[in-house]
Amino acid sequence: MKKIRIVLIKTIGWLSVATILIILSSVALHAQEASGNQKTHQFWLDYNPSYKLSDRLDLKGSFGARTVSPNTWYRLWARPYLSYKRPKFILKKLKYKERLDGGMDIFYTVNKDNVNRLELTPFQAYSLAWPDRERLVIRHYLKLEERFELETDDWNNTFGLRLSYEASVTFKFHGEIWKYGKGFYIPVSTKFFWNLTGTKQFNDKVRITPGIGYQASPDWKVAFLLGYNYSRNSVEEDFYTNDIIYRLRIYHTIKKKKKEAD
């Protein structure tokens, strides 16, 4: 029975990897066919702290900046949210993790040729990591966003509603070469967006993001990602852009300080 489980998990893992590679190839082909679309290079930087409030509840966040070349805009953003780890009700022997997230994205976009914009986006999300092994983690992330986009000159509001699904695979290289809690890992993700009600700016379609990361300690890790994004970035565009994204992500787990004995 144990051998069957191992074979099943490996099969699911490789099928997920193959699916992501097929999607990556098809998107790259689409980008070549859509040669008339605008092409940009974007640079993203973000810091992602996490603090455990209880055994099941975490306070998390993301803070960062994004810019583009040619330089037509840049964005500052923050994402505070709560993450609740659901207890296992069924299939308790399987190695999986479920999580419910809820919070808000706050974006401030400075446009070179258009009015600046403030976006407030409450969101709700469900995360399933299965299988969740020492060397391989496959994660599914479903997210619903309510987007309130405000023009800063007259505070005119545009409402948007967006659904997204992200599938990610993380390979971890743990073993005798690296100490426990340290080592390289390779994250690969594919994210699809459905703009049920679009806003005036930043209506994404699909994003492919492979990368490489390093966990320096149980509390700190860093990842560099090179992604492809198919989107509509500007306010007045009636076409979509092919974006190459260079992203640096820093993760920090903040631990409670132990109380000193009297």
Protein backbone atom coordinates (compact mmCIF):
# COMPACT_ATOMS: atom_id res chain seq x y z
CA MET A 1 0.00 0.00 0.00
CA LYS A 2 2.84 2.35 0.84
CA LYS A 3 4.51 1.77 -2.54
CA ILE A 4 1.22 2.49 -4.33
CA ARG A 5 0.89 5.81 -2.46
CA ILE A 6 4.47 6.78 -3.37
CA VAL A 7 3.90 5.95 -7.05
CA LEU A 8 0.59 7.88 -7.03
CA ILE A 9 2.18 10.97 -5.47
CA LYS A 10 5.11 10.92 -7.92
CA THR A 11 2.72 10.49 -10.85
CA ILE A 12 0.61 13.47 -9.74
CA GLY A 13 3.75 15.54 -9.29
CA TRP A 14 5.15 14.82 -12.71
CA LEU A 15 1.75 15.30 -14.37
CA SER A 16 1.51 18.72 -12.71
CA VAL A 17 4.99 19.65 -13.93
CA ALA A 18 4.18 18.45 -17.45
CA THR A 19 0.95 20.47 -17.45
CA ILE A 20 2.77 23.65 -16.41
CA LEU A 21 5.43 23.14 -19.08
CA ILE A 22 2.75 22.58 -21.75
CA ILE A 23 0.96 25.76 -20.67
CA LEU A 24 4.26 27.66 -20.66
CA SER A 25 5.01 26.52 -24.21
CA SER A 26 1.52 27.42 -25.47
CA VAL A 27 1.67 30.88 -23.88
CA ALA A 28 5.11 31.52 -25.35
CA LEU A 29 3.77 30.51 -28.76
CA HIS A 30 0.81 32.84 -28.32
CA ALA A 31 3.19 35.67 -27.39
CA GLN A 32 5.13 35.11 -30.62
CA GLU A 33 1.91 35.08 -32.67
CA ALA A 34 0.74 38.30 -31.00
CA SER A 35 3.83 40.17 -32.18
CA GLY A 36 1.77 43.30 -32.76
CA ASN A 37 1.09 43.67 -29.05
CA GLN A 38 3.17 45.90 -26.83
CA LYS A 39 6.10 44.32 -25.00
CA THR A 40 7.39 45.56 -21.63
CA HIS A 41 9.95 44.62 -18.99
CA GLN A 42 8.75 44.92 -15.39
CA PHE A 43 10.72 44.87 -12.14
CA TRP A 44 8.99 43.74 -8.93
CA LEU A 45 10.37 43.72 -5.39
CA ASP A 46 8.46 42.59 -2.30
CA TYR A 47 8.97 41.72 1.37
CA ASN A 48 6.67 39.07 2.87
CA PRO A 49 6.56 38.83 6.69
CA SER A 50 4.54 36.26 8.63
CA TYR A 51 3.64 36.13 12.33
CA LYS A 52 1.91 33.24 14.11
CA LEU A 53 -1.01 34.41 16.25
CA SER A 54 -2.04 30.88 17.29
CA ASP A 55 -1.61 27.27 16.18
CA ARG A 56 -4.07 27.81 13.33
CA LEU A 57 -4.10 31.57 12.68
CA ASP A 58 -1.28 33.57 11.08
CA LEU A 59 -0.97 37.29 10.36
CA LYS A 60 0.75 37.76 7.01
CA GLY A 61 1.59 40.57 4.65
CA SER A 62 3.35 41.69 1.49
CA PHE A 63 4.90 45.10 0.85
CA GLY A 64 6.59 46.10 -2.36
CA ALA A 65 7.07 48.18 -5.47
CA ARG A 66 6.72 47.59 -9.20
CA THR A 67 7.93 49.54 -12.21
CA VAL A 68 8.06 49.06 -15.97
CA SER A 69 10.33 49.76 -18.94
CA PRO A 70 9.46 51.81 -20.99
CA ASN A 71 8.73 53.91 -17.92
CA THR A 72 5.00 54.77 -18.07
CA TRP A 73 4.00 53.92 -14.46
CA TYR A 74 5.16 52.57 -11.13
CA ARG A 75 3.17 51.01 -8.26
CA LEU A 76 3.49 50.84 -4.50
CA TRP A 77 1.45 48.15 -2.77
CA ALA A 78 0.67 46.44 0.52
CA ARG A 79 -1.29 43.28 1.33
CA PRO A 80 -2.18 42.63 4.99
CA TYR A 81 -4.19 39.44 5.51
CA LEU A 82 -5.10 36.65 7.91
CA SER A 83 -4.46 33.00 7.12
CA TYR A 84 -6.39 30.20 8.86
CA LYS A 85 -5.14 26.61 8.71
CA ARG A 86 -8.11 24.29 8.48
CA PRO A 87 -8.00 21.11 10.59
CA LYS A 88 -8.15 17.79 8.75
CA PHE A 89 -11.66 16.36 8.77
CA ILE A 90 -11.16 13.59 6.18
CA LEU A 91 -8.21 11.61 4.81
CA LYS A 92 -6.20 12.49 7.89
CA LYS A 93 -3.32 10.22 6.93
CA LEU A 94 -2.63 12.05 3.68
CA LYS A 95 0.01 14.77 3.75
CA TYR A 96 -1.93 17.84 2.71
CA LYS A 97 -2.65 21.32 4.08
CA GLU A 98 -5.73 23.51 3.66
CA ARG A 99 -5.83 27.23 4.30
CA LEU A 100 -8.35 30.06 4.15
CA ASP A 101 -7.05 33.59 3.50
CA GLY A 102 -8.78 36.94 3.82
CA GLY A 103 -7.43 40.48 3.59
CA MET A 104 -6.95 43.48 1.30
CA ASP A 105 -4.60 44.58 -1.47
CA ILE A 106 -3.76 48.29 -1.49
CA PHE A 107 -2.18 49.63 -4.70
CA TYR A 108 -1.12 53.19 -5.49
CA THR A 109 -0.21 53.65 -9.17
CA VAL A 110 1.66 56.71 -10.45
CA ASN A 111 0.96 57.07 -14.18
CA LYS A 112 3.21 59.20 -16.36
CA ASP A 113 0.56 60.17 -18.94
CA ASN A 114 -2.69 59.59 -17.00
CA VAL A 115 -4.23 60.31 -13.63
CA ASN A 116 -2.82 58.44 -10.63
CA ARG A 117 -4.94 55.65 -9.19
CA LEU A 118 -5.64 54.14 -5.79
CA GLU A 119 -6.96 50.58 -5.76
CA LEU A 120 -8.51 48.89 -2.69
CA THR A 121 -9.10 45.18 -3.23
CA PRO A 122 -10.62 42.99 -0.50
CA PHE A 123 -10.08 39.30 -1.26
CA GLN A 124 -10.99 35.82 -0.09
CA ALA A 125 -8.94 32.75 -1.01
CA TYR A 126 -8.69 28.98 -0.54
CA SER A 127 -5.37 27.12 -0.63
CA LEU A 128 -4.76 23.37 -0.92
CA ALA A 129 -1.21 21.98 -0.73
CA TRP A 130 -1.21 18.32 -1.76
CA PRO A 131 1.00 16.43 -1.79
CA ASP A 132 2.98 18.31 0.85
CA ARG A 133 6.24 16.38 1.05
CA GLU A 134 9.75 17.22 2.18
CA ARG A 135 11.04 17.57 -1.40
CA LEU A 136 7.89 18.30 -3.40
CA VAL A 137 4.89 20.56 -2.73
CA ILE A 138 2.01 21.07 -5.19
CA ARG A 139 -0.32 23.94 -4.33
CA HIS A 140 -3.67 25.07 -5.69
CA TYR A 141 -4.85 28.60 -4.89
CA LEU A 142 -8.32 29.94 -5.73
CA LYS A 143 -8.92 33.66 -5.12
CA LEU A 144 -11.86 36.07 -5.45
CA GLU A 145 -11.14 39.83 -5.52
CA GLU A 146 -13.46 42.85 -5.31
CA ARG A 147 -11.58 45.75 -6.90
CA PHE A 148 -12.36 49.39 -6.09
CA GLU A 149 -10.25 51.60 -8.39
CA LEU A 150 -10.25 55.32 -7.53
CA GLU A 151 -8.98 58.18 -9.71
CA THR A 152 -7.10 60.56 -7.42
CA ASP A 153 -8.12 63.79 -9.23
CA ASP A 154 -11.89 63.46 -8.63
CA TRP A 155 -12.07 60.11 -6.71
CA ASN A 156 -14.29 58.60 -9.38
CA ASN A 157 -14.70 54.89 -8.62
CA THR A 158 -14.56 51.93 -11.00
CA PHE A 159 -15.62 48.55 -9.59
CA GLY A 160 -14.10 45.29 -10.76
CA LEU A 161 -14.60 41.63 -9.86
CA ARG A 162 -11.89 39.08 -10.58
CA LEU A 163 -11.44 35.35 -10.04
CA SER A 164 -8.03 33.69 -10.29
CA TYR A 165 -6.58 30.20 -10.01
CA GLU A 166 -2.90 29.44 -9.45
CA ALA A 167 -1.17 26.06 -9.64
CA SER A 168 2.37 25.95 -8.29
CA VAL A 169 5.02 23.27 -7.89
CA THR A 170 7.98 23.63 -5.53
CA PHE A 171 10.97 21.29 -5.66
CA LYS A 172 13.15 21.30 -2.53
CA PHE A 173 16.76 20.14 -2.56
CA HIS A 174 17.17 19.01 1.03
CA GLY A 175 19.70 16.38 1.99
CA GLU A 176 23.17 15.78 3.33
CA ILE A 177 24.68 18.63 1.29
CA TRP A 178 22.59 21.27 3.07
CA LYS A 179 21.83 21.50 6.75
CA TYR A 180 18.29 21.14 8.05
CA GLY A 181 16.17 24.20 7.20
CA LYS A 182 18.59 25.41 4.52
CA GLY A 183 18.85 24.74 0.81
CA PHE A 184 17.87 25.66 -2.70
CA TYR A 185 14.39 25.21 -4.11
CA ILE A 186 12.74 25.71 -7.51
CA PRO A 187 9.26 27.28 -7.62
CA VAL A 188 7.17 27.14 -10.82
CA SER A 189 3.65 28.57 -11.02
CA THR A 190 0.90 29.23 -13.56
CA LYS A 191 -1.89 31.68 -12.75
CA PHE A 192 -5.11 32.30 -14.70
CA PHE A 193 -7.29 35.40 -14.27
CA TRP A 194 -10.97 35.81 -15.13
CA ASN A 195 -11.99 39.49 -15.13
CA LEU A 196 -15.70 39.07 -14.43
CA THR A 197 -15.98 42.86 -14.31
CA GLY A 198 -12.86 44.60 -15.59
CA THR A 199 -11.33 47.80 -14.22
CA LYS A 200 -9.64 50.50 -16.30
CA GLN A 201 -6.06 49.42 -15.53
CA PHE A 202 -4.21 46.14 -14.90
CA ASN A 203 -6.53 43.43 -16.18
CA ASP A 204 -4.33 40.33 -16.29
CA LYS A 205 -5.05 37.18 -18.31
CA VAL A 206 -2.33 34.62 -17.55
CA ARG A 207 1.01 34.60 -15.74
CA ILE A 208 3.81 31.99 -15.91
CA THR A 209 6.51 32.30 -13.23
CA PRO A 210 9.48 29.93 -12.88
CA GLY A 211 12.31 30.79 -10.51
CA ILE A 212 14.96 29.70 -8.04
CA GLY A 213 15.06 30.25 -4.30
CA TYR A 214 17.28 29.74 -1.29
CA GLN A 215 16.26 29.19 2.33
CA ALA A 216 19.02 30.65 4.49
CA SER A 217 17.37 29.62 7.77
CA PRO A 218 13.95 28.50 9.05
CA ASP A 219 13.05 32.20 9.37
CA TRP A 220 14.43 33.66 6.13
CA LYS A 221 14.25 32.72 2.47
CA VAL A 222 14.59 34.53 -0.83
CA ALA A 223 13.48 33.78 -4.40
CA PHE A 224 14.27 35.26 -7.80
CA LEU A 225 11.53 34.76 -10.39
CA LEU A 226 11.50 35.34 -14.14
CA GLY A 227 7.92 35.48 -15.39
CA TYR A 228 5.75 36.05 -18.42
CA ASN A 229 2.50 38.02 -18.04
CA TYR A 230 -0.26 38.59 -20.61
CA SER A 231 -2.19 41.66 -19.50
CA ARG A 232 -3.69 45.08 -20.26
CA ASN A 233 -1.59 47.49 -18.22
CA SER A 234 -2.57 50.98 -19.35
CA VAL A 235 -5.79 52.94 -19.05
CA GLU A 236 -6.46 53.62 -22.73
CA GLU A 237 -5.23 50.37 -24.28
CA ASP A 238 -7.61 48.27 -26.36
CA PHE A 239 -4.94 45.56 -26.80
CA TYR A 240 -2.93 43.36 -24.46
CA THR A 241 0.72 43.47 -23.51
CA ASN A 242 3.37 40.78 -23.27
CA ASP A 243 5.28 41.46 -20.05
CA ILE A 244 8.57 39.95 -18.93
CA ILE A 245 8.71 40.19 -15.13
CA TYR A 246 11.90 40.14 -13.04
CA ARG A 247 10.84 39.60 -9.42
CA LEU A 248 12.77 39.39 -6.15
CA ARG A 249 10.82 38.08 -3.14
CA ILE A 250 12.01 38.05 0.48
CA TYR A 251 10.16 35.94 3.09
CA HIS A 252 10.50 36.42 6.84
CA THR A 253 8.87 34.40 9.62
CA ILE A 254 8.70 36.55 12.75
CA LYS A 255 8.77 34.52 15.92
CA LYS A 256 7.51 35.43 19.35
CA LYS A 257 10.15 36.45 21.85
CA LYS A 258 10.49 34.05 24.73
CA LYS A 259 9.72 35.56 28.11
CA GLU A 260 12.65 35.66 30.45
CA ALA A 261 12.27 33.78 33.70
CA ASP A 262 11.98 35.85 36.85
